Amino acid sequence: MNPLAVTKLLSDEHAVKILTATYRIPRSANYLSIKFNIPIAACYRRIRELENMGLLHIIEKVLTPRGKRVSLYQSTLKSAYLTFENGRLKALLELTTGPAEEMEEVWNVAQIQ
């Protein structure tokens, strides 16, 4: 995982709302879309991005009264720490599913120019 990509995703308003809403209680994409006024396509896009980074996962698939199978998502992010020290961007993510993962990206003048 790239710390810059993590920083970008964790600063996205929709992603933060999804992570916050699914921290304790699994929620469907439809619920998240309606509750936070997120267009359903954007909601699914953020869900996929969060899943790909390991910050969200499907906890259960349920059948609705109409016979449609719906995924319930739950956040795996327990805490996140982002720092910039001595030209290095660091991200420390603590997940509910395992040990903390530390990522670091070194920035130098050649990368910036």
N, C-alpha and C. Protein backbone atom coordinates (compact mmCIF):
# COMPACT_ATOMS: atom_id res chain seq x y z
N MET A 1 0.84 -1.18 0.00
CA MET A 1 0.00 0.00 0.00
C MET A 1 0.88 1.24 0.00
N ASN A 2 0.51 2.18 -0.78
CA ASN A 2 1.24 3.43 -0.91
C ASN A 2 0.69 4.44 0.10
N PRO A 3 1.54 5.03 0.95
CA PRO A 3 1.03 5.98 1.95
C PRO A 3 0.33 7.19 1.34
N LEU A 4 0.75 7.61 0.15
CA LEU A 4 0.10 8.74 -0.50
C LEU A 4 -1.32 8.36 -0.92
N ALA A 5 -1.49 7.15 -1.44
CA ALA A 5 -2.82 6.66 -1.82
C ALA A 5 -3.72 6.53 -0.60
N VAL A 6 -3.15 6.05 0.51
CA VAL A 6 -3.91 5.92 1.77
C VAL A 6 -4.34 7.30 2.25
N THR A 7 -3.42 8.26 2.22
CA THR A 7 -3.72 9.62 2.64
C THR A 7 -4.84 10.22 1.79
N LYS A 8 -4.75 10.01 0.49
CA LYS A 8 -5.77 10.54 -0.42
C LYS A 8 -7.14 9.92 -0.12
N LEU A 9 -7.17 8.61 0.07
CA LEU A 9 -8.44 7.94 0.34
C LEU A 9 -9.01 8.33 1.70
N LEU A 10 -8.16 8.43 2.71
CA LEU A 10 -8.64 8.78 4.05
C LEU A 10 -9.02 10.25 4.18
N SER A 11 -8.68 11.05 3.18
CA SER A 11 -9.11 12.45 3.20
C SER A 11 -10.34 12.67 2.31
N ASP A 12 -10.82 11.60 1.69
CA ASP A 12 -12.01 11.68 0.86
C ASP A 12 -13.26 11.63 1.74
N GLU A 13 -14.14 12.60 1.57
CA GLU A 13 -15.33 12.73 2.42
C GLU A 13 -16.22 11.48 2.38
N HIS A 14 -16.45 10.95 1.19
CA HIS A 14 -17.30 9.76 1.08
C HIS A 14 -16.66 8.55 1.76
N ALA A 15 -15.36 8.37 1.56
CA ALA A 15 -14.66 7.24 2.16
C ALA A 15 -14.71 7.31 3.69
N VAL A 16 -14.52 8.50 4.24
CA VAL A 16 -14.56 8.67 5.69
C VAL A 16 -15.95 8.37 6.23
N LYS A 17 -16.98 8.83 5.54
CA LYS A 17 -18.35 8.55 5.98
C LYS A 17 -18.63 7.05 5.96
N ILE A 18 -18.16 6.37 4.93
CA ILE A 18 -18.37 4.92 4.82
C ILE A 18 -17.63 4.20 5.94
N LEU A 19 -16.38 4.55 6.19
CA LEU A 19 -15.61 3.91 7.26
C LEU A 19 -16.23 4.17 8.63
N THR A 20 -16.68 5.38 8.86
CA THR A 20 -17.28 5.74 10.14
C THR A 20 -18.59 4.98 10.37
N ALA A 21 -19.41 4.93 9.35
CA ALA A 21 -20.73 4.29 9.48
C ALA A 21 -20.63 2.78 9.63
N THR A 22 -19.54 2.19 9.14
CA THR A 22 -19.41 0.74 9.18
C THR A 22 -18.44 0.26 10.27
N TYR A 23 -18.02 1.16 11.13
CA TYR A 23 -17.05 0.78 12.16
C TYR A 23 -17.62 -0.26 13.14
N ARG A 24 -18.82 -0.05 13.62
CA ARG A 24 -19.42 -0.96 14.59
C ARG A 24 -20.49 -1.87 13.99
N ILE A 25 -21.22 -1.34 13.02
CA ILE A 25 -22.37 -2.06 12.46
C ILE A 25 -22.18 -2.24 10.96
N PRO A 26 -22.27 -3.46 10.46
CA PRO A 26 -22.19 -3.66 9.01
C PRO A 26 -23.35 -2.96 8.30
N ARG A 27 -23.05 -2.35 7.17
CA ARG A 27 -24.06 -1.59 6.42
C ARG A 27 -24.00 -1.97 4.95
N SER A 28 -25.13 -1.82 4.27
CA SER A 28 -25.19 -2.06 2.83
C SER A 28 -24.81 -0.79 2.07
N ALA A 29 -24.43 -0.95 0.82
CA ALA A 29 -24.11 0.20 -0.02
C ALA A 29 -25.33 1.09 -0.19
N ASN A 30 -26.50 0.50 -0.31
CA ASN A 30 -27.72 1.26 -0.47
C ASN A 30 -27.99 2.13 0.78
N TYR A 31 -27.81 1.55 1.95
CA TYR A 31 -27.98 2.31 3.20
C TYR A 31 -27.02 3.50 3.22
N LEU A 32 -25.75 3.23 2.92
CA LEU A 32 -24.73 4.29 2.95
C LEU A 32 -25.05 5.39 1.95
N SER A 33 -25.50 4.98 0.78
CA SER A 33 -25.84 5.94 -0.27
C SER A 33 -26.98 6.86 0.17
N ILE A 34 -28.02 6.28 0.74
CA ILE A 34 -29.18 7.07 1.17
C ILE A 34 -28.84 7.91 2.40
N LYS A 35 -28.22 7.30 3.39
CA LYS A 35 -27.93 7.98 4.66
C LYS A 35 -27.02 9.20 4.46
N PHE A 36 -26.02 9.09 3.60
CA PHE A 36 -25.04 10.16 3.43
C PHE A 36 -25.17 10.91 2.11
N ASN A 37 -26.25 10.63 1.39
CA ASN A 37 -26.49 11.32 0.12
C ASN A 37 -25.30 11.18 -0.84
N ILE A 38 -24.79 9.96 -0.93
CA ILE A 38 -23.69 9.64 -1.84
C ILE A 38 -24.33 8.95 -3.05
N PRO A 39 -24.08 9.43 -4.26
CA PRO A 39 -24.61 8.72 -5.42
C PRO A 39 -24.18 7.25 -5.37
N ILE A 40 -25.08 6.34 -5.71
CA ILE A 40 -24.82 4.91 -5.55
C ILE A 40 -23.57 4.46 -6.30
N ALA A 41 -23.33 4.99 -7.50
CA ALA A 41 -22.12 4.61 -8.26
C ALA A 41 -20.86 5.06 -7.52
N ALA A 42 -20.87 6.27 -6.97
CA ALA A 42 -19.72 6.77 -6.21
C ALA A 42 -19.53 5.96 -4.93
N CYS A 43 -20.65 5.56 -4.32
CA CYS A 43 -20.59 4.76 -3.10
C CYS A 43 -19.91 3.42 -3.38
N TYR A 44 -20.32 2.74 -4.44
CA TYR A 44 -19.70 1.47 -4.80
C TYR A 44 -18.23 1.65 -5.19
N ARG A 45 -17.91 2.76 -5.84
CA ARG A 45 -16.51 3.04 -6.21
C ARG A 45 -15.64 3.16 -4.97
N ARG A 46 -16.11 3.94 -3.97
CA ARG A 46 -15.35 4.08 -2.72
C ARG A 46 -15.25 2.75 -1.98
N ILE A 47 -16.34 2.01 -1.97
CA ILE A 47 -16.33 0.70 -1.31
C ILE A 47 -15.26 -0.18 -1.93
N ARG A 48 -15.18 -0.22 -3.25
CA ARG A 48 -14.16 -1.05 -3.93
C ARG A 48 -12.75 -0.56 -3.59
N GLU A 49 -12.55 0.74 -3.57
CA GLU A 49 -11.23 1.29 -3.23
C GLU A 49 -10.85 0.90 -1.80
N LEU A 50 -11.80 1.04 -0.88
CA LEU A 50 -11.55 0.68 0.52
C LEU A 50 -11.30 -0.81 0.66
N GLU A 51 -12.04 -1.62 -0.08
CA GLU A 51 -11.81 -3.08 -0.06
C GLU A 51 -10.42 -3.42 -0.60
N ASN A 52 -10.05 -2.80 -1.70
CA ASN A 52 -8.74 -3.08 -2.30
C ASN A 52 -7.59 -2.71 -1.37
N MET A 53 -7.79 -1.73 -0.52
CA MET A 53 -6.75 -1.35 0.44
C MET A 53 -6.85 -2.15 1.74
N GLY A 54 -7.87 -2.98 1.84
CA GLY A 54 -8.03 -3.81 3.04
C GLY A 54 -8.66 -3.07 4.20
N LEU A 55 -9.29 -1.92 3.93
CA LEU A 55 -9.88 -1.11 5.00
C LEU A 55 -11.37 -1.40 5.20
N LEU A 56 -11.95 -2.21 4.34
CA LEU A 56 -13.36 -2.54 4.40
C LEU A 56 -13.52 -3.95 3.84
N HIS A 57 -14.43 -4.72 4.42
CA HIS A 57 -14.67 -6.05 3.85
C HIS A 57 -16.14 -6.44 4.01
N ILE A 58 -16.53 -7.41 3.21
CA ILE A 58 -17.89 -7.93 3.29
C ILE A 58 -17.94 -8.86 4.49
N ILE A 59 -18.85 -8.57 5.39
CA ILE A 59 -18.99 -9.37 6.60
C ILE A 59 -20.09 -10.43 6.43
N GLU A 60 -21.06 -10.10 5.55
CA GLU A 60 -22.21 -10.99 5.39
C GLU A 60 -22.96 -10.62 4.11
N LYS A 61 -23.60 -11.62 3.52
CA LYS A 61 -24.50 -11.38 2.40
C LYS A 61 -25.88 -11.83 2.86
N VAL A 62 -26.86 -10.93 2.74
CA VAL A 62 -28.21 -11.23 3.20
C VAL A 62 -29.18 -11.17 2.04
N LEU A 63 -30.29 -11.85 2.20
CA LEU A 63 -31.35 -11.85 1.20
C LEU A 63 -32.43 -10.88 1.65
N THR A 64 -32.78 -9.94 0.79
CA THR A 64 -33.82 -8.97 1.12
C THR A 64 -35.20 -9.62 0.92
N PRO A 65 -36.25 -9.01 1.46
CA PRO A 65 -37.60 -9.55 1.25
C PRO A 65 -37.97 -9.67 -0.23
N ARG A 66 -37.34 -8.88 -1.07
CA ARG A 66 -37.59 -8.94 -2.52
C ARG A 66 -36.76 -10.00 -3.22
N GLY A 67 -35.94 -10.72 -2.47
CA GLY A 67 -35.13 -11.80 -3.04
C GLY A 67 -33.80 -11.36 -3.62
N LYS A 68 -33.37 -10.16 -3.33
CA LYS A 68 -32.09 -9.65 -3.81
C LYS A 68 -31.00 -9.90 -2.76
N ARG A 69 -29.85 -10.37 -3.21
CA ARG A 69 -28.73 -10.60 -2.30
C ARG A 69 -27.95 -9.30 -2.13
N VAL A 70 -27.76 -8.89 -0.88
CA VAL A 70 -27.10 -7.62 -0.56
C VAL A 70 -25.91 -7.89 0.34
N SER A 71 -24.78 -7.25 0.02
CA SER A 71 -23.58 -7.37 0.85
C SER A 71 -23.61 -6.34 1.96
N LEU A 72 -23.18 -6.76 3.14
CA LEU A 72 -23.04 -5.85 4.27
C LEU A 72 -21.54 -5.67 4.52
N TYR A 73 -21.13 -4.42 4.57
CA TYR A 73 -19.71 -4.07 4.70
C TYR A 73 -19.39 -3.60 6.10
N GLN A 74 -18.16 -3.94 6.55
CA GLN A 74 -17.70 -3.45 7.84
C GLN A 74 -16.26 -2.98 7.72
N SER A 75 -15.98 -1.88 8.40
CA SER A 75 -14.64 -1.29 8.41
C SER A 75 -13.68 -2.20 9.16
N THR A 76 -12.46 -2.30 8.66
CA THR A 76 -11.41 -3.02 9.37
C THR A 76 -10.38 -2.06 9.96
N LEU A 77 -10.61 -0.77 9.76
CA LEU A 77 -9.66 0.25 10.23
C LEU A 77 -9.92 0.59 11.68
N LYS A 78 -8.94 0.31 12.50
CA LYS A 78 -9.03 0.64 13.93
C LYS A 78 -8.44 2.03 14.20
N SER A 79 -7.30 2.30 13.58
CA SER A 79 -6.68 3.63 13.72
C SER A 79 -5.72 3.86 12.56
N ALA A 80 -5.49 5.13 12.29
CA ALA A 80 -4.58 5.53 11.21
C ALA A 80 -3.76 6.72 11.68
N TYR A 81 -2.47 6.66 11.44
CA TYR A 81 -1.57 7.74 11.80
C TYR A 81 -0.75 8.10 10.57
N LEU A 82 -0.80 9.35 10.17
CA LEU A 82 -0.05 9.83 9.02
C LEU A 82 0.93 10.88 9.51
N THR A 83 2.19 10.73 9.14
CA THR A 83 3.20 11.71 9.54
C THR A 83 4.12 12.02 8.37
N PHE A 84 4.70 13.19 8.44
CA PHE A 84 5.72 13.59 7.48
C PHE A 84 6.91 14.04 8.30
N GLU A 85 7.99 13.24 8.25
CA GLU A 85 9.18 13.54 9.05
C GLU A 85 10.42 13.42 8.18
N ASN A 86 11.24 14.44 8.21
CA ASN A 86 12.53 14.42 7.51
C ASN A 86 12.40 13.96 6.06
N GLY A 87 11.43 14.49 5.35
CA GLY A 87 11.27 14.16 3.94
C GLY A 87 10.64 12.81 3.67
N ARG A 88 10.06 12.19 4.69
CA ARG A 88 9.44 10.88 4.52
C ARG A 88 7.98 10.93 4.95
N LEU A 89 7.13 10.44 4.08
CA LEU A 89 5.72 10.31 4.39
C LEU A 89 5.51 8.92 4.95
N LYS A 90 4.95 8.84 6.15
CA LYS A 90 4.71 7.55 6.80
C LYS A 90 3.24 7.40 7.14
N ALA A 91 2.76 6.19 6.98
CA ALA A 91 1.39 5.88 7.36
C ALA A 91 1.42 4.61 8.20
N LEU A 92 0.78 4.65 9.33
CA LEU A 92 0.68 3.48 10.19
C LEU A 92 -0.80 3.18 10.34
N LEU A 93 -1.21 2.03 9.84
CA LEU A 93 -2.60 1.62 9.90
C LEU A 93 -2.73 0.44 10.85
N GLU A 94 -3.63 0.56 11.79
CA GLU A 94 -3.93 -0.55 12.69
C GLU A 94 -5.30 -1.07 12.29
N LEU A 95 -5.33 -2.33 11.89
CA LEU A 95 -6.57 -2.94 11.43
C LEU A 95 -7.12 -3.87 12.50
N THR A 96 -8.42 -4.06 12.47
CA THR A 96 -9.05 -4.96 13.45
C THR A 96 -8.73 -6.41 13.12
N THR A 97 -8.22 -6.67 11.93
CA THR A 97 -7.97 -8.03 11.47
C THR A 97 -6.53 -8.50 11.65
N GLY A 98 -5.67 -7.67 12.20
CA GLY A 98 -4.29 -8.11 12.34
C GLY A 98 -3.38 -7.02 12.87
N PRO A 99 -2.06 -7.25 12.74
CA PRO A 99 -1.09 -6.29 13.27
C PRO A 99 -1.05 -5.00 12.45
N ALA A 100 -0.48 -3.98 13.06
CA ALA A 100 -0.35 -2.68 12.38
C ALA A 100 0.57 -2.82 11.19
N GLU A 101 0.28 -2.08 10.15
CA GLU A 101 1.09 -2.08 8.94
C GLU A 101 1.65 -0.68 8.76
N GLU A 102 2.96 -0.62 8.58
CA GLU A 102 3.60 0.68 8.41
C GLU A 102 4.08 0.81 6.97
N MET A 103 3.80 1.95 6.37
CA MET A 103 4.22 2.23 5.01
C MET A 103 5.03 3.51 5.02
N GLU A 104 6.00 3.58 4.17
CA GLU A 104 6.85 4.76 4.12
C GLU A 104 7.19 5.07 2.68
N GLU A 105 7.17 6.33 2.35
CA GLU A 105 7.58 6.77 1.02
C GLU A 105 8.58 7.89 1.20
N VAL A 106 9.73 7.75 0.58
CA VAL A 106 10.76 8.77 0.70
C VAL A 106 10.60 9.76 -0.45
N TRP A 107 10.58 11.02 -0.11
CA TRP A 107 10.46 12.08 -1.11
C TRP A 107 11.80 12.79 -1.20
N ASN A 108 12.21 13.04 -2.42
CA ASN A 108 13.42 13.83 -2.59
C ASN A 108 13.19 14.86 -3.69
N VAL A 109 14.13 15.70 -3.87
CA VAL A 109 13.99 16.79 -4.83
C VAL A 109 13.73 16.28 -6.23
N ALA A 110 14.34 15.19 -6.63
CA ALA A 110 14.17 14.64 -7.97
C ALA A 110 12.71 14.22 -8.20
N GLN A 111 12.03 13.70 -7.18
CA GLN A 111 10.64 13.30 -7.33
C GLN A 111 9.72 14.51 -7.47
N ILE A 112 10.04 15.59 -6.80
CA ILE A 112 9.18 16.76 -6.76
C ILE A 112 9.29 17.56 -8.07
N GLN A 113 10.47 17.60 -8.68
CA GLN A 113 10.67 18.42 -9.88
C GLN A 113 10.16 17.78 -11.09
